């Protein structure tokens, strides 16, 4: 059997950690091959070795049977390997075409031939059904469309093997389905895809084979048609996983959060929250279901003091908090797990210990007379790292060096540990593996059972249905439905999110 890619006995070390320990990965031509593992298992590291961003200490790489040295990404591109990273690498003010040709511009008498490039991008977009506008600016298109631009960038450079690193982490359910179709059309055209993921449902849906890594060690490769979600989950984490969140029925108490007739604009001054009303009570988890761009981000940022309220009121424990500074809102009992962990949740250049202390460094015992007490901060960080199973070589490791899932655990530990009256959890399990998701869901339910009000925003409808006690649907800046999870399903929620009017429980339009 000739493989298009072979990574044989790869070992990659970093100070204090062996990220890849003697791992072998073999990919066939024309297959979608999943690379499955927990957060910090070493999946992205292995692919960064293949793409030439890291050099392995041991092992070798073969492309179509020939041994190669991939010492940088340009060599990977020349060998037909392209990588779409989890965090996109696009220049926002540039157009789609300018981003795609960056570094390999077609020239005409020393000048970039943009028209020719636009035609080539359009041709590729049509060939693979990507529906990308070559002239659109990156800042004006959706996250899902930006990802297609990243895929086009690889195809433009002639990639035969595409590495997709957690490609669905930031996509809506509809965009995920569209991406799956794109992947299938790519392999029909003879491409091979390596899909780094921990979403088992997606592996079962589109992948041919799956290689599992656990704590840096290769566990084995299985045919997807011969396995199950439960078996993949236990291979990945080494134990059985419960996909159903066990929780007693909610007993809602007093109103903790009240939002009345709220109007909020986005960064371009376009109205996105339009007269919205919402209540969240103690001892309940309220899930917000909606297609991205319908005002949920602006709603959450307005509650947290990160976005200006144009009109309307927000009260927390019957006290007005509208347009107060974020720290004052936090002091009054709000904790916020933001959607974008890297932009809003962490200071990436700070160590784990300082990120854990971001909400409390100015209070005793962490500071006194305006002097930080690092021994107390470090004690606190050690406890959070242990309690939330943050995989890090040390609390002094820069947060930028952690995997996305472990970055998320640092934020969740920091926010939940403060025992807030209202916990806003925006995409709390984005990029997390099934074991970590199970743990976070349990934490949210624990917070509810301890008398907190929890507001959950997620684009994963199964998560909304599984964890919430009450589901509100947001459409065009307003709440259009308020449902109990047991009285609805994903199909009906999808219709409501798209603007349909509810006629009967569980009924179709």
Protein backbone atom coordinates (compact mmCIF):
# COMPACT_ATOMS: atom_id res chain seq x y z
CA UNK A 1 0.00 0.00 0.00
CA UNK A 2 1.48 3.36 -1.03
CA UNK A 3 0.59 6.17 1.30
CA UNK A 4 0.52 9.82 0.22
CA UNK A 5 1.89 10.84 3.66
CA UNK A 6 3.83 8.77 6.19
CA UNK A 7 5.04 10.12 9.51
CA UNK A 8 7.07 7.33 11.08
CA UNK A 9 8.04 7.16 14.78
CA UNK A 10 7.93 10.94 15.28
CA UNK A 11 9.25 12.33 18.56
CA UNK A 12 8.92 16.03 19.39
CA UNK A 13 10.03 17.52 22.71
CA UNK A 14 9.63 20.93 24.32
CA UNK A 15 11.20 22.04 27.62
CA UNK A 16 9.62 19.89 30.31
CA UNK A 17 7.28 17.96 27.99
CA UNK A 18 7.31 15.24 25.31
CA UNK A 19 4.55 16.40 22.95
CA UNK A 20 4.87 13.50 20.46
CA UNK A 21 6.30 10.20 21.66
CA UNK A 22 7.09 7.77 18.81
CA UNK A 23 3.88 8.49 16.81
CA UNK A 24 3.17 6.98 13.38
CA UNK A 25 0.55 8.41 10.99
CA UNK A 26 -0.12 7.02 7.49
CA UNK A 27 -2.57 8.74 5.12
CA UNK A 28 -3.94 7.24 1.91
CA UNK A 29 -4.63 9.22 -1.28
CA UNK A 30 -8.22 10.44 -1.55
CA UNK A 31 -9.20 9.84 2.07
CA UNK A 32 -10.35 12.07 4.94
CA UNK A 33 -8.18 10.93 7.84
CA UNK A 34 -9.09 12.11 11.35
CA UNK A 35 -6.46 12.89 13.94
CA UNK A 36 -8.26 12.55 17.27
CA UNK A 37 -7.09 13.36 20.77
CA UNK A 38 -7.76 15.34 23.93
CA UNK A 39 -6.68 18.96 24.37
CA UNK A 40 -2.90 18.97 24.63
CA UNK A 41 -2.60 15.38 23.32
CA UNK A 42 -0.10 16.52 20.66
CA UNK A 43 -2.29 16.64 17.50
CA UNK A 44 -1.42 20.17 16.37
CA UNK A 45 2.25 19.61 17.27
CA UNK A 46 2.38 16.54 15.01
CA UNK A 47 0.82 18.48 12.13
CA UNK A 48 3.16 21.43 12.72
CA UNK A 49 6.01 18.92 12.29
CA UNK A 50 4.50 17.78 8.97
CA UNK A 51 4.04 21.42 7.86
CA UNK A 52 7.65 22.30 8.70
CA UNK A 53 6.93 24.65 11.61
CA UNK A 54 8.69 22.27 14.05
CA UNK A 55 11.59 19.87 13.54
CA UNK A 56 11.29 16.42 15.16
CA UNK A 57 13.98 15.01 17.44
CA UNK A 58 13.43 11.53 15.98
CA UNK A 59 11.52 9.86 13.17
CA UNK A 60 11.09 10.62 9.48
CA UNK A 61 8.50 11.79 6.94
CA UNK A 62 7.79 10.18 3.58
CA UNK A 63 5.74 11.75 0.77
CA UNK A 64 4.49 9.18 -1.77
CA UNK A 65 7.14 6.76 -0.50
CA UNK A 66 10.08 9.17 -0.70
CA UNK A 67 11.85 10.36 2.42
CA UNK A 68 11.79 14.18 2.74
CA UNK A 69 13.11 16.89 5.07
CA UNK A 70 10.38 19.47 5.75
CA UNK A 71 12.41 22.28 7.32
CA UNK A 72 9.90 25.10 6.74
CA UNK A 73 6.35 25.72 5.44
CA UNK A 74 7.57 26.80 1.99
CA UNK A 75 9.07 23.33 1.51
CA UNK A 76 5.77 21.81 2.74
CA UNK A 77 3.91 23.90 0.12
CA UNK A 78 6.36 22.77 -2.59
CA UNK A 79 5.67 19.15 -1.54
CA UNK A 80 1.91 19.74 -1.92
CA UNK A 81 1.07 20.05 1.80
CA UNK A 82 -1.19 22.91 2.93
CA UNK A 83 -2.40 23.74 6.44
CA UNK A 84 -5.44 25.72 7.59
CA UNK A 85 -4.66 26.73 11.16
CA UNK A 86 -7.25 26.90 13.94
CA UNK A 87 -6.69 30.65 14.25
CA UNK A 88 -6.83 32.05 10.74
CA UNK A 89 -3.82 33.84 9.26
CA UNK A 90 -5.51 36.52 7.16
CA UNK A 91 -4.92 40.27 6.71
CA UNK A 92 -8.32 41.80 7.48
CA UNK A 93 -8.15 45.01 5.37
CA UNK A 94 -6.99 43.01 2.29
CA UNK A 95 -9.37 41.43 -0.22
CA UNK A 96 -9.86 37.69 -0.54
CA UNK A 97 -7.60 37.59 -3.61
CA UNK A 98 -4.85 39.70 -2.01
CA UNK A 99 -4.77 37.27 0.94
CA UNK A 100 -4.71 34.20 -1.30
CA UNK A 101 -1.81 35.39 -3.49
CA UNK A 102 0.22 36.92 -0.65
CA UNK A 103 3.79 35.65 -1.02
CA UNK A 104 3.21 34.11 -4.46
CA UNK A 105 1.82 37.03 -6.49
CA UNK A 106 1.53 36.62 -10.27
CA UNK A 107 3.43 39.54 -11.81
CA UNK A 108 3.26 41.43 -15.05
CA UNK A 109 6.32 43.56 -15.81
CA UNK A 110 7.18 43.69 -12.10
CA UNK A 111 3.62 44.60 -11.05
CA UNK A 112 1.08 42.31 -9.38
CA UNK A 113 -1.47 41.13 -11.94
CA UNK A 114 -4.49 41.32 -9.64
CA UNK A 115 -7.05 40.82 -12.39
CA UNK A 116 -5.45 37.55 -13.48
CA UNK A 117 -5.27 36.43 -9.84
CA UNK A 118 -8.95 37.25 -9.27
CA UNK A 119 -9.89 35.14 -12.31
CA UNK A 120 -7.83 32.19 -11.00
CA UNK A 121 -9.39 32.50 -7.51
CA UNK A 122 -12.89 32.61 -9.05
CA UNK A 123 -12.12 29.52 -11.13
CA UNK A 124 -10.88 27.58 -8.09
CA UNK A 125 -13.85 28.75 -6.02
CA UNK A 126 -16.27 27.51 -8.72
CA UNK A 127 -14.40 24.21 -9.18
CA UNK A 128 -14.70 23.27 -5.49
CA UNK A 129 -18.11 24.89 -4.82
CA UNK A 130 -16.64 27.38 -2.31
CA UNK A 131 -18.76 30.40 -3.42
CA UNK A 132 -16.18 32.96 -2.36
CA UNK A 133 -16.20 36.52 -3.75
CA UNK A 134 -12.57 37.25 -4.83
CA UNK A 135 -13.04 41.01 -4.33
CA UNK A 136 -14.62 40.96 -0.85
CA UNK A 137 -12.56 42.29 2.05
CA UNK A 138 -11.76 39.81 4.82
CA UNK A 139 -13.16 42.09 7.55
CA UNK A 140 -16.56 42.12 5.79
CA UNK A 141 -17.09 38.36 5.45
CA UNK A 142 -18.22 35.73 7.96
CA UNK A 143 -15.87 33.43 9.88
CA UNK A 144 -17.09 30.48 7.80
CA UNK A 145 -16.26 32.35 4.59
CA UNK A 146 -12.81 33.31 5.97
CA UNK A 147 -12.11 29.63 6.49
CA UNK A 148 -12.97 28.97 2.83
CA UNK A 149 -10.44 31.65 1.91
CA UNK A 150 -7.81 29.74 3.92
CA UNK A 151 -8.72 26.54 2.03
CA UNK A 152 -8.53 28.42 -1.30
CA UNK A 153 -5.09 29.77 -0.30
CA UNK A 154 -3.86 26.15 -0.03
CA UNK A 155 -5.51 25.08 -3.30
CA UNK A 156 -4.04 28.11 -5.10
CA UNK A 157 -0.58 26.90 -4.04
CA UNK A 158 -1.32 23.44 -5.48
CA UNK A 159 -1.82 21.53 -2.23
CA UNK A 160 -2.70 17.83 -2.63
CA UNK A 161 -2.83 17.19 1.12
CA UNK A 162 -4.81 19.63 3.27
CA UNK A 163 -4.40 19.71 7.04
CA UNK A 164 -7.48 21.24 8.70
CA UNK A 165 -6.84 22.11 12.38
CA UNK A 166 -10.12 22.15 14.35
CA UNK A 167 -11.91 23.63 11.31
CA UNK A 168 -15.43 23.58 12.80
CA UNK A 169 -14.58 25.15 16.18
CA UNK A 170 -15.81 28.60 15.11
CA UNK A 171 -18.55 27.63 12.65
CA UNK A 172 -22.35 27.63 12.90
CA UNK A 173 -24.16 24.28 12.37
CA UNK A 174 -25.05 25.23 8.79
CA UNK A 175 -21.47 26.28 8.01
CA UNK A 176 -20.25 22.94 9.44
CA UNK A 177 -22.54 21.02 7.05
CA UNK A 178 -21.31 23.15 4.14
CA UNK A 179 -17.67 22.50 5.12
CA UNK A 180 -18.32 18.74 5.22
CA UNK A 181 -19.67 18.94 1.64
CA UNK A 182 -16.60 20.94 0.57
CA UNK A 183 -14.30 18.32 2.13
CA UNK A 184 -16.10 15.54 0.28
CA UNK A 185 -15.83 17.42 -3.01
CA UNK A 186 -12.09 17.97 -2.39
CA UNK A 187 -11.40 14.23 -1.97
CA UNK A 188 -13.49 13.47 -5.08
CA UNK A 189 -11.02 15.72 -6.95
CA UNK A 190 -8.16 13.56 -5.65
CA UNK A 191 -7.09 15.59 -2.62
CA UNK A 192 -6.34 13.98 0.76
CA UNK A 193 -7.42 15.64 4.02
CA UNK A 194 -6.09 15.31 7.56
CA UNK A 195 -8.76 16.55 9.96
CA UNK A 196 -7.59 17.48 13.46
CA UNK A 197 -10.66 17.34 15.67
CA UNK A 198 -12.27 16.09 18.82
CA UNK A 199 -15.82 16.23 17.45
CA UNK A 200 -16.75 12.58 17.23
CA UNK A 201 -19.99 13.19 15.33
CA UNK A 202 -18.06 14.82 12.50
CA UNK A 203 -15.55 11.97 12.33
CA UNK A 204 -18.41 9.48 11.98
CA UNK A 205 -20.02 11.69 9.32
CA UNK A 206 -17.11 12.26 6.88
CA UNK A 207 -13.91 10.42 7.82
CA UNK A 208 -12.60 7.17 6.36
CA UNK A 209 -10.02 6.36 9.03
CA UNK A 210 -9.03 7.79 12.40
CA UNK A 211 -5.69 7.86 14.23
CA UNK A 212 -6.00 8.38 17.99
CA UNK A 213 -3.36 10.11 20.16
CA UNK A 214 -3.49 10.11 23.96
CA UNK A 215 -1.06 12.21 26.04
CA UNK A 216 1.45 12.37 23.19
CA UNK A 217 1.37 8.62 22.42
CA UNK A 218 -0.23 6.98 19.37
CA UNK A 219 -3.04 4.64 20.48
CA UNK A 220 -3.79 3.27 17.01
CA UNK A 221 -5.68 3.75 13.74
CA UNK A 222 -9.23 2.47 13.15
CA UNK A 223 -11.60 2.30 10.20
CA UNK A 224 -14.45 4.69 11.01
CA UNK A 225 -17.03 2.29 9.51
CA UNK A 226 -15.93 -0.36 12.06
CA UNK A 227 -16.14 1.82 15.18
CA UNK A 228 -18.63 3.92 17.19
CA UNK A 229 -18.75 7.28 18.96
CA UNK A 230 -18.48 5.54 22.35
CA UNK A 231 -15.43 3.51 21.30
CA UNK A 232 -13.66 6.57 19.85
CA UNK A 233 -14.38 8.54 23.04
CA UNK A 234 -12.92 5.85 25.30
CA UNK A 235 -9.86 5.43 23.01
CA UNK A 236 -9.28 9.17 23.22
CA UNK A 237 -9.56 9.67 26.99
CA UNK A 238 -8.93 6.15 28.28
CA UNK A 239 -12.28 5.76 30.03
CA UNK A 240 -16.01 5.64 29.26
CA UNK A 241 -17.63 9.06 28.65
CA UNK A 242 -21.19 10.16 29.40
CA UNK A 243 -22.71 12.27 26.61
CA UNK A 244 -25.81 13.10 28.63
CA UNK A 245 -25.44 15.73 31.35
CA UNK A 246 -26.98 14.33 34.52
CA UNK A 247 -28.90 17.00 36.40
CA UNK A 248 -31.89 17.35 38.71
CA UNK A 249 -34.81 19.48 37.57
CA UNK A 250 -34.21 23.20 38.00
CA UNK A 251 -35.92 25.10 40.80
CA UNK A 252 -35.61 28.72 39.61
CA UNK A 253 -35.41 31.38 42.34
CA UNK A 254 -35.30 35.17 42.20
CA UNK A 255 -34.54 37.09 39.00
CA UNK A 256 -30.77 37.74 38.90
CA UNK A 257 -30.46 39.28 35.42
CA UNK A 258 -33.14 41.43 33.82
CA UNK A 259 -32.76 42.98 30.37
CA UNK A 260 -35.51 45.35 29.20
CA UNK A 261 -36.05 46.88 25.76
CA UNK A 262 -32.31 46.72 25.02
CA UNK A 263 -30.83 48.36 21.93
CA UNK A 264 -27.15 47.81 21.06
CA UNK A 265 -25.18 48.61 17.88
CA UNK A 266 -22.21 46.78 16.46
CA UNK A 267 -18.77 48.29 15.75
CA UNK A 268 -20.08 49.79 12.47
CA UNK A 269 -22.96 51.45 14.35
CA UNK A 270 -25.53 49.07 12.84
CA UNK A 271 -28.36 48.10 15.21
CA UNK A 272 -28.00 44.40 16.11
CA UNK A 273 -29.95 44.19 19.41
CA UNK A 274 -33.39 45.67 18.81
CA UNK A 275 -35.64 46.02 21.85
CA UNK A 276 -34.62 42.72 23.45
CA UNK A 277 -36.14 41.47 26.74
CA UNK A 278 -34.68 38.65 28.83
CA UNK A 279 -34.73 37.31 32.40
CA UNK A 280 -32.39 34.77 34.01
CA UNK A 281 -33.15 33.49 37.51
CA UNK A 282 -31.05 31.94 40.25
CA UNK A 283 -30.81 28.12 40.03
CA UNK A 284 -31.35 27.97 36.27
CA UNK A 285 -29.31 27.65 33.08
CA UNK A 286 -30.77 29.66 30.20
CA UNK A 287 -29.37 28.74 26.78
CA UNK A 288 -29.34 31.22 23.89
CA UNK A 289 -29.85 29.54 20.49
CA UNK A 290 -29.27 31.60 17.38
CA UNK A 291 -27.39 31.86 14.11
CA UNK A 292 -24.22 33.92 14.50
CA UNK A 293 -24.79 37.61 13.73
CA UNK A 294 -28.27 37.93 15.22
CA UNK A 295 -27.16 40.08 18.16
CA UNK A 296 -26.14 37.47 20.74
CA UNK A 297 -22.51 38.66 20.88
CA UNK A 298 -23.59 42.29 21.29
CA UNK A 299 -26.11 41.29 23.98
CA UNK A 300 -23.49 39.47 26.05
CA UNK A 301 -20.88 42.19 25.63
CA UNK A 302 -23.43 44.84 26.67
CA UNK A 303 -24.29 42.90 29.84
CA UNK A 304 -20.55 42.56 30.63
CA UNK A 305 -19.90 46.27 30.03
CA UNK A 306 -17.79 45.68 26.91
CA UNK A 307 -20.25 47.34 24.51
CA UNK A 308 -22.24 50.55 24.84
CA UNK A 309 -26.00 50.27 25.35
CA UNK A 310 -27.89 52.75 23.13
CA UNK A 311 -31.12 52.47 25.12
CA UNK A 312 -32.91 50.09 27.50
CA UNK A 313 -31.84 48.79 30.91
CA UNK A 314 -29.83 45.91 32.37
CA UNK A 315 -30.18 45.05 36.06
CA UNK A 316 -28.21 42.56 38.14
CA UNK A 317 -29.79 41.58 41.48
CA UNK A 318 -32.25 44.52 41.03
CA UNK A 319 -29.35 47.00 40.73
CA UNK A 320 -28.88 48.87 37.40
CA UNK A 321 -25.58 48.03 35.67
CA UNK A 322 -26.27 49.59 32.24
CA UNK A 323 -23.08 51.07 30.77
CA UNK A 324 -21.09 50.65 33.98
CA UNK A 325 -17.34 49.91 33.57
CA UNK A 326 -16.57 46.16 33.22
CA UNK A 327 -14.72 45.91 36.56
CA UNK A 328 -17.64 47.46 38.44
CA UNK A 329 -20.06 44.99 36.82
CA UNK A 330 -17.68 42.16 37.72
CA UNK A 331 -17.50 43.38 41.33
CA UNK A 332 -21.31 43.30 41.50
CA UNK A 333 -21.37 39.57 40.81
CA UNK A 334 -20.88 38.84 37.11
CA UNK A 335 -18.39 36.37 35.64
CA UNK A 336 -17.83 36.16 31.89
CA UNK A 337 -16.33 33.33 29.84
CA UNK A 338 -15.88 35.19 26.52
CA UNK A 339 -16.42 33.76 23.04
CA UNK A 340 -12.92 34.62 21.87
CA UNK A 341 -10.52 33.24 24.46
CA UNK A 342 -7.42 34.73 22.83
CA UNK A 343 -8.68 38.28 22.24
CA UNK A 344 -10.88 38.74 25.31
CA UNK A 345 -10.06 35.95 27.77
CA UNK A 346 -6.29 35.89 28.16
CA UNK A 347 -3.14 37.97 27.93
CA UNK A 348 -1.25 35.43 25.84
CA UNK A 349 2.21 36.68 26.76
CA UNK A 350 1.44 36.39 30.49
CA UNK A 351 2.13 33.10 32.29
CA UNK A 352 -0.75 30.86 33.34
CA UNK A 353 -0.43 32.09 36.96
CA UNK A 354 -0.99 35.75 36.05
CA UNK A 355 -3.91 34.92 33.75
CA UNK A 356 -5.58 32.98 36.56
CA UNK A 357 -5.22 36.08 38.78
CA UNK A 358 -6.48 38.63 36.22
CA UNK A 359 -9.81 39.16 38.02
CA UNK A 360 -8.41 39.24 41.55
CA UNK A 361 -4.77 40.42 41.50
CA UNK A 362 -5.68 43.80 43.05
CA UNK A 363 -7.40 42.25 46.10
CA UNK A 364 -6.02 40.65 49.22
CA UNK A 365 -4.33 38.22 49.67
CA UNK A 366 -2.90 38.64 46.14
CA UNK A 367 -1.78 42.23 46.68
CA UNK A 368 -1.21 44.54 49.59
CA UNK A 369 -0.18 48.21 49.54
CA UNK A 370 -0.20 47.99 45.71
CA UNK A 371 2.43 45.22 45.78
CA UNK A 372 1.67 41.81 44.22
CA UNK A 373 2.14 38.75 46.44
CA UNK A 374 3.35 36.19 43.91
CA UNK A 375 3.47 33.34 46.42
CA UNK A 376 -0.30 33.68 46.95
CA UNK A 377 -0.95 34.13 43.21
CA UNK A 378 1.08 30.98 42.49
CA UNK A 379 -0.77 29.01 45.19
CA UNK A 380 -4.09 30.06 43.63
CA UNK A 381 -2.89 29.13 40.14
CA UNK A 382 -1.62 25.70 41.26
CA UNK A 383 -5.04 24.96 42.74
CA UNK A 384 -6.94 26.01 39.59
CA UNK A 385 -4.55 24.04 37.32
CA UNK A 386 -5.09 20.92 39.43
CA UNK A 387 -8.85 21.33 39.88
CA UNK A 388 -9.52 22.03 36.19
CA UNK A 389 -6.92 19.57 34.82
CA UNK A 390 -5.07 22.27 32.85
CA UNK A 391 -2.31 20.46 30.93
CA UNK A 392 0.69 22.78 31.24
CA UNK A 393 4.38 22.11 31.97
CA UNK A 394 4.19 24.76 34.72
CA UNK A 395 2.08 27.66 36.01
CA UNK A 396 4.95 29.86 34.77
CA UNK A 397 4.47 28.71 31.15
CA UNK A 398 3.24 31.44 28.79
CA UNK A 399 -0.48 31.03 28.06
CA UNK A 400 0.28 31.28 24.32
CA UNK A 401 2.11 27.92 24.59
CA UNK A 402 -1.01 26.04 25.80
CA UNK A 403 -3.41 24.23 23.47
CA UNK A 404 -6.71 26.03 22.81
CA UNK A 405 -8.64 23.73 25.10
CA UNK A 406 -6.24 24.25 27.98
CA UNK A 407 -6.38 28.02 27.47
CA UNK A 408 -10.16 27.67 27.80
CA UNK A 409 -9.83 25.72 31.06
CA UNK A 410 -7.69 28.54 32.56
CA UNK A 411 -10.47 31.06 31.83
CA UNK A 412 -13.26 28.82 33.08
CA UNK A 413 -11.36 28.05 36.29
CA UNK A 414 -10.69 31.73 36.91
CA UNK A 415 -14.30 32.82 36.33
CA UNK A 416 -16.17 29.95 38.03
CA UNK A 417 -13.92 30.03 41.10
CA UNK A 418 -15.17 33.53 41.93
CA UNK A 419 -18.66 32.12 42.70
CA UNK A 420 -20.51 34.84 40.76
CA UNK A 421 -24.27 35.51 41.00
CA UNK A 422 -24.46 35.46 37.19
CA UNK A 423 -22.15 33.34 35.04
CA UNK A 424 -22.15 34.17 31.33
CA UNK A 425 -20.68 31.23 29.44
CA UNK A 426 -20.18 32.10 25.76
CA UNK A 427 -19.07 29.09 23.73
CA UNK A 428 -17.54 27.54 26.90
CA UNK A 429 -16.66 24.23 25.22
CA UNK A 430 -15.45 25.59 21.87
CA UNK A 431 -12.37 23.56 20.93
CA UNK A 432 -12.64 21.18 23.91
CA UNK A 433 -12.53 17.38 23.76
CA UNK A 434 -15.35 15.17 25.03
CA UNK A 435 -13.72 14.57 28.41
CA UNK A 436 -13.26 18.31 29.01
CA UNK A 437 -16.79 19.04 27.72
CA UNK A 438 -18.24 16.53 30.20
CA UNK A 439 -16.30 18.27 32.99
CA UNK A 440 -17.38 21.82 31.97
CA UNK A 441 -21.04 20.81 31.67
CA UNK A 442 -20.84 19.31 35.16
CA UNK A 443 -19.32 22.59 36.44
CA UNK A 444 -22.15 24.65 34.89
CA UNK A 445 -24.75 22.42 36.54
CA UNK A 446 -22.86 22.65 39.86
CA UNK A 447 -22.95 26.45 39.62
CA UNK A 448 -26.69 26.30 38.97
CA UNK A 449 -27.21 23.95 41.92
CA UNK A 450 -25.21 26.38 44.11
CA UNK A 451 -27.79 29.09 43.43
CA UNK A 452 -26.15 30.87 40.50
CA UNK A 453 -27.87 32.13 37.37
CA UNK A 454 -26.15 30.80 34.24
CA UNK A 455 -26.54 32.32 30.76
CA UNK A 456 -25.16 29.92 28.13
CA UNK A 457 -24.44 30.94 24.55
CA UNK A 458 -23.50 28.11 22.21
CA UNK A 459 -23.74 27.34 18.50
CA UNK A 460 -23.86 23.61 19.35
CA UNK A 461 -27.58 22.86 19.48
CA UNK A 462 -27.05 19.51 21.18
CA UNK A 463 -25.16 21.36 23.94
CA UNK A 464 -27.97 23.92 24.31
CA UNK A 465 -30.60 21.16 24.56
CA UNK A 466 -28.48 18.95 26.83
CA UNK A 467 -27.39 21.57 29.40
CA UNK A 468 -30.10 24.26 29.46
CA UNK A 469 -33.15 24.34 31.73
CA UNK A 470 -34.75 26.92 29.44
CA UNK A 471 -33.91 27.86 25.85
CA UNK A 472 -34.45 31.31 24.35
CA UNK A 473 -34.10 31.73 20.59
CA UNK A 474 -32.62 35.00 19.27
CA UNK A 475 -33.42 36.20 15.76
CA UNK A 476 -32.70 39.62 14.27
CA UNK A 477 -31.85 41.14 17.65
CA UNK A 478 -34.90 39.93 19.54
CA UNK A 479 -35.95 36.91 21.60
CA UNK A 480 -38.52 35.13 19.43
CA UNK A 481 -39.16 31.98 21.51
CA UNK A 482 -38.80 30.75 25.10
CA UNK A 483 -38.91 26.95 25.33
CA UNK A 484 -38.23 24.00 27.59
CA UNK A 485 -35.56 21.66 26.12
CA UNK A 486 -37.76 18.59 26.49
CA UNK A 487 -40.48 20.26 24.40
CA UNK A 488 -38.36 20.99 21.33
CA UNK A 489 -35.66 19.47 19.08
CA UNK A 490 -32.77 20.55 16.88
CA UNK A 491 -34.95 20.73 13.76
CA UNK A 492 -37.48 23.07 15.35
CA UNK A 493 -34.78 25.23 16.93
CA UNK A 494 -33.11 25.49 13.52
CA UNK A 495 -36.36 26.76 11.97
CA UNK A 496 -36.90 29.28 14.78
CA UNK A 497 -33.30 30.48 14.47
CA UNK A 498 -33.94 31.11 10.77
CA UNK A 499 -37.01 33.25 11.55
CA UNK A 500 -39.90 30.76 11.40
CA UNK A 501 -42.81 31.24 13.77
CA UNK A 502 -43.57 28.44 16.21
CA UNK A 503 -46.93 26.84 15.55
CA UNK A 504 -46.97 23.80 17.76
CA UNK A 505 -44.59 21.89 20.03
CA UNK A 506 -42.12 19.95 17.95
CA UNK A 507 -44.09 20.80 14.82
CA UNK A 508 -42.65 21.61 11.43
CA UNK A 509 -43.58 24.72 9.53
